[in-house]
Protein backbone atom coordinates (compact mmCIF):
# COMPACT_ATOMS: atom_id res chain seq x y z
CA MET A 1 -80.42 -64.97 -7.34
CA LYS A 2 -79.51 -61.29 -7.00
CA ALA A 3 -82.61 -60.67 -4.92
CA MET A 4 -81.67 -63.55 -2.63
CA LEU A 5 -78.12 -62.27 -2.19
CA ARG A 6 -79.40 -58.78 -1.51
CA ALA A 7 -81.86 -60.09 1.07
CA GLU A 8 -79.09 -62.03 2.79
CA ARG A 9 -76.87 -58.93 2.84
CA VAL A 10 -79.68 -56.81 4.27
CA ALA A 11 -80.36 -59.40 6.94
CA ARG A 12 -76.67 -59.61 7.82
CA LEU A 13 -76.32 -55.84 8.13
CA ALA A 14 -79.49 -55.67 10.21
CA ALA A 15 -78.12 -58.36 12.52
CA GLU A 16 -74.82 -56.51 12.82
CA ALA A 17 -76.66 -53.29 13.64
CA ASP A 18 -78.71 -55.08 16.28
CA ALA A 19 -75.55 -56.58 17.78
CA GLN A 20 -73.88 -53.17 17.83
CA ALA A 21 -76.94 -51.75 19.56
CA ARG A 22 -76.85 -54.42 22.25
CA THR A 23 -73.11 -53.98 22.72
CA LEU A 24 -73.59 -50.24 23.02
CA LEU A 25 -76.27 -50.65 25.67
CA ILE A 26 -74.12 -53.06 27.71
CA GLU A 27 -70.99 -50.92 27.50
CA LYS A 28 -72.98 -47.79 28.23
CA LEU A 29 -74.27 -49.32 31.44
CA LYS A 30 -70.76 -50.47 32.37
CA LEU A 31 -69.30 -47.04 31.75
CA THR A 32 -72.12 -45.42 33.68
CA ILE A 33 -71.36 -47.64 36.69
CA LYS A 34 -67.64 -46.83 36.45
CA LYS A 35 -68.43 -43.16 36.16
CA ARG A 36 -70.65 -43.18 39.24
CA ARG A 37 -68.03 -45.07 41.25
CA HIS A 38 -65.24 -42.68 40.35
CA GLU A 39 -67.45 -39.66 40.94
CA LYS A 40 -68.04 -40.95 44.47
CA PHE A 41 -64.80 -42.68 45.40
CA GLY A 42 -62.16 -41.57 42.88
CA GLN A 43 -59.44 -39.08 43.74
CA SER A 44 -60.25 -35.61 42.51
CA SER A 45 -56.83 -35.27 40.85
CA GLU A 46 -57.59 -38.26 38.62
CA ARG A 47 -61.35 -37.98 38.42
CA GLY A 48 -61.58 -35.43 35.61
CA ALA A 49 -59.18 -37.15 33.21
CA LEU A 50 -60.73 -40.58 33.82
CA LEU A 51 -64.28 -39.36 33.31
CA ASP A 52 -63.23 -37.64 30.09
CA GLN A 53 -61.74 -40.92 28.89
CA LEU A 54 -64.95 -42.77 29.71
CA GLU A 55 -66.95 -40.21 27.76
CA LEU A 56 -64.64 -40.65 24.76
CA GLN A 57 -65.10 -44.43 24.88
CA LEU A 58 -68.86 -44.05 25.02
CA ALA A 59 -68.79 -41.62 22.09
CA ASP A 60 -66.79 -44.13 20.02
CA LEU A 61 -69.34 -46.84 20.77
CA GLU A 62 -72.20 -44.56 19.76
CA GLU A 63 -70.45 -43.69 16.50
CA ASN A 64 -69.91 -47.36 15.66
CA ALA A 65 -73.52 -48.22 16.42
CA ALA A 66 -74.80 -45.29 14.38
CA GLN A 67 -72.59 -46.33 11.46
CA ALA A 68 -73.91 -49.90 11.57
CA GLU A 69 -77.51 -48.71 11.77
CA THR A 70 -77.07 -46.33 8.83
CA ALA A 71 -75.37 -48.99 6.70
CA ALA A 72 -78.24 -51.39 7.34
CA GLN A 73 -80.86 -48.78 6.51
CA MET A 74 -79.08 -47.77 3.29
CA ALA A 75 -78.84 -51.39 2.18
CA ALA A 76 -82.46 -52.17 3.04
CA GLY A 77 -84.04 -49.02 1.67
CA ASP A 78 -87.61 -48.73 2.91
CA LYS A 79 -88.33 -52.45 3.03
CA ILE A 80 -87.26 -53.23 6.60
CA THR A 81 -86.91 -51.37 9.86
CA VAL A 82 -83.55 -51.64 11.53
CA PRO A 83 -83.84 -52.02 15.31
CA SER A 84 -82.87 -48.77 16.95
CA PHE A 85 -80.46 -48.62 19.85
CA GLU A 86 -80.51 -46.56 23.00
CA ARG A 87 -78.09 -43.69 22.72
CA ARG A 88 -78.15 -40.06 23.65
CA LYS A 89 -80.44 -38.44 21.12
CA PRO A 90 -79.66 -34.78 20.49
CA VAL A 91 -82.53 -32.45 21.17
CA ARG A 92 -83.55 -30.68 17.98
CA ARG A 93 -83.52 -27.09 19.14
CA PRO A 94 -84.06 -24.14 16.82
CA LEU A 95 -80.90 -22.60 15.44
CA PRO A 96 -79.73 -19.45 17.26
CA GLU A 97 -81.70 -16.39 16.22
CA HIS A 98 -78.71 -14.04 16.59
CA LEU A 99 -76.76 -15.70 13.79
CA PRO A 100 -76.88 -14.00 10.39
CA ARG A 101 -79.03 -15.70 7.77
CA GLU A 102 -77.96 -16.26 4.17
CA ARG A 103 -80.79 -17.08 1.77
CA LEU A 104 -80.09 -19.52 -1.04
CA VAL A 105 -83.12 -19.35 -3.34
CA TYR A 106 -83.27 -22.22 -5.79
CA PRO A 107 -84.31 -21.35 -9.36
CA ILE A 108 -87.93 -22.05 -10.15
CA PRO A 109 -89.15 -23.54 -13.43
CA ALA A 110 -90.16 -21.10 -16.15
CA ALA A 111 -93.23 -23.14 -17.02
CA CYS A 112 -95.60 -25.50 -15.26
CA PRO A 113 -94.08 -29.00 -15.36
CA CYS A 114 -97.62 -30.42 -15.59
CA CYS A 115 -99.20 -28.48 -18.49
CA GLY A 116 -96.40 -26.21 -19.73
CA ASP A 117 -98.24 -22.95 -19.01
CA ARG A 118 -95.95 -20.04 -18.09
CA ARG A 119 -98.41 -18.15 -15.92
CA LEU A 120 -96.92 -19.18 -12.58
CA ARG A 121 -97.79 -17.31 -9.39
CA LYS A 122 -95.94 -17.60 -6.06
CA ILE A 123 -98.14 -18.93 -3.27
CA GLY A 124 -95.52 -19.51 -0.61
CA GLU A 125 -92.15 -21.03 0.14
CA ASP A 126 -90.59 -23.81 2.18
CA VAL A 127 -87.51 -22.84 4.19
CA SER A 128 -85.12 -25.30 5.79
CA GLU A 129 -82.12 -24.16 7.82
CA THR A 130 -78.71 -25.77 8.19
CA LEU A 131 -75.95 -24.62 10.49
CA GLU A 132 -72.70 -23.92 8.65
CA LEU A 133 -69.18 -23.04 9.73
CA ILE A 134 -67.18 -20.44 7.85
CA LEU A 135 -63.48 -21.17 8.23
CA ARG A 136 -61.48 -18.48 9.94
CA GLN A 137 -59.85 -15.99 7.64
CA TRP A 138 -56.35 -14.69 8.03
CA LYS A 139 -55.64 -11.10 7.07
CA VAL A 140 -53.01 -8.45 7.52
CA ILE A 141 -54.19 -5.15 8.96
CA GLN A 142 -52.21 -2.14 7.78
CA ARG A 143 -52.20 0.72 10.26
CA VAL A 144 -51.53 3.83 8.22
CA ARG A 145 -50.38 7.09 9.84
CA GLU A 146 -50.37 9.81 7.23
CA LYS A 147 -47.77 12.57 7.45
CA LEU A 148 -48.79 16.17 6.97
CA VAL A 149 -46.61 19.23 6.44
CA CYS A 150 -47.63 22.73 7.35
CA ARG A 151 -47.39 25.12 4.39
CA ALA A 152 -46.80 28.05 6.73
CA CYS A 153 -43.97 26.74 8.95
CA GLU A 154 -43.17 23.45 7.20
CA ALA A 155 -43.62 21.52 10.46
CA ILE A 156 -44.41 17.84 9.98
CA THR A 157 -47.22 16.30 11.99
CA GLN A 158 -48.44 12.74 12.25
CA PRO A 159 -50.95 10.82 14.40
CA PRO A 160 -49.38 8.94 17.33
CA ALA A 161 -48.59 5.27 16.89
CA PRO A 162 -51.37 2.99 18.11
CA SER A 163 -50.82 0.98 21.27
CA HIS A 164 -50.05 -2.71 21.00
CA PRO A 165 -50.31 -5.54 23.53
CA ILE A 166 -46.64 -6.49 23.08
CA ALA A 167 -43.78 -4.22 22.09
CA ARG A 168 -42.86 -4.39 18.41
CA GLY A 169 -45.20 -7.32 18.03
CA ARG A 170 -46.63 -8.37 14.70
CA ALA A 171 -49.61 -10.27 16.12
CA GLY A 172 -52.91 -8.53 16.66
CA PRO A 173 -54.74 -8.68 19.99
CA LYS A 174 -57.32 -11.16 18.68
CA LEU A 175 -54.61 -13.52 17.45
CA LEU A 176 -52.78 -13.29 20.77
CA ALA A 177 -55.99 -14.01 22.65
CA HIS A 178 -56.61 -17.03 20.42
CA VAL A 179 -53.12 -18.44 20.99
CA LEU A 180 -53.40 -17.98 24.76
CA PHE A 181 -56.86 -19.53 24.96
CA ALA A 182 -55.82 -22.48 22.79
CA LYS A 183 -52.81 -23.11 25.04
CA TYR A 184 -54.35 -22.59 28.47
CA GLY A 185 -58.06 -23.04 27.82
CA LEU A 186 -58.01 -25.90 25.31
CA HIS A 187 -54.65 -27.36 26.44
CA LEU A 188 -53.30 -27.28 22.88
CA PRO A 189 -49.47 -27.16 22.95
CA LEU A 190 -47.67 -24.57 20.89
CA HIS A 191 -46.17 -27.13 18.52
CA ARG A 192 -49.67 -28.41 17.75
CA GLN A 193 -50.86 -24.87 17.14
CA SER A 194 -47.90 -24.28 14.85
CA ASP A 195 -48.86 -27.36 12.83
CA VAL A 196 -52.47 -26.17 12.54
CA TYR A 197 -51.42 -22.72 11.36
CA ARG A 198 -48.97 -24.21 8.87
CA ARG A 199 -51.73 -26.27 7.31
CA GLU A 200 -53.67 -23.04 6.88
CA GLY A 201 -50.75 -21.46 5.03
CA ILE A 202 -49.36 -19.39 7.92
CA ASP A 203 -45.81 -20.21 9.04
CA LEU A 204 -45.54 -19.49 12.76
CA ASP A 205 -42.78 -21.48 14.43
CA VAL A 206 -42.89 -22.54 18.05
CA SER A 207 -40.29 -19.99 19.16
CA THR A 208 -42.38 -17.14 17.77
CA LEU A 209 -45.51 -18.41 19.51
CA ALA A 210 -43.54 -18.85 22.73
CA ASP A 211 -42.33 -15.25 22.52
CA TRP A 212 -45.90 -14.08 22.05
CA VAL A 213 -47.13 -16.11 25.01
CA GLY A 214 -44.34 -14.85 27.26
CA ALA A 215 -44.82 -11.22 26.27
CA SER A 216 -48.60 -11.47 26.62
CA THR A 217 -48.23 -13.06 30.05
CA ALA A 218 -46.07 -10.17 31.20
CA THR A 219 -48.60 -7.71 29.80
CA LEU A 220 -51.43 -9.41 31.68
CA MET A 221 -49.65 -9.53 35.04
CA PRO A 222 -51.31 -6.32 36.34
CA LEU A 223 -54.68 -7.97 35.68
CA VAL A 224 -53.48 -11.14 37.43
CA ASP A 225 -52.36 -9.11 40.44
CA ALA A 226 -55.70 -7.33 40.59
CA ILE A 227 -57.61 -10.62 40.51
CA ARG A 228 -55.30 -12.11 43.14
CA GLY A 229 -55.84 -9.13 45.39
CA HIS A 230 -59.60 -9.39 44.99
CA VAL A 231 -59.58 -13.11 45.83
CA PHE A 232 -57.24 -12.77 48.82
CA ALA A 233 -59.40 -9.99 50.22
CA ALA A 234 -62.16 -12.49 50.95
CA GLU A 235 -62.71 -13.88 54.44
CA ARG A 236 -62.24 -17.44 53.24
CA ILE A 237 -61.08 -19.14 50.05
CA HIS A 238 -62.40 -22.50 48.90
CA ALA A 239 -60.21 -24.65 46.67
CA ASP A 240 -60.07 -28.20 45.44
CA ASP A 241 -57.30 -30.49 46.64
């Protein structure tokens, strides 16, 4: 009875996975047609946002189909083959060579698991690599300027204060660059950034972030003027409508 119920469940999950695969293929073709139409006939001001939305919809469909396929395979074990569906398969490229490597060597047995002899000799190793993300780390950098006194004339000397992107600012240049890029490059509003930082244990209210953005913008204006001058010096300028 249990075997019959399990077989019925496996068949049902396989059918659901097959249906998801067919739905994915149909919707993928529909979205592709819409995408091609808007690439050719859509207004450029609306084209980018609409195409992004279509890509998000397609990604959701692929996730649902992958979930159904995995559920069917887990329920079936190795006894059946779940029909695969056509989706964008990621190319398995080697992991970047410039990234640092951390070796995790698993402990080896002290004796042969077959005969119990302890005279084991290494003949090689199998290495598999996984890409991992180390969460960003917050830290406070203390800039120390030691004071010295001359024993001859008792004059006090001290290294000059280091320069800072914004006057009397408490944010380092890397943090300022991150806030600016998140706002203007990733279109992440300051209140969203504030929420993210708060979840990481750093209380930065919106007004503080706004002050940093405004001060950094003023600091970068000479660079903006230089870029503007370089662009306007060209014989012609091409721009989108």
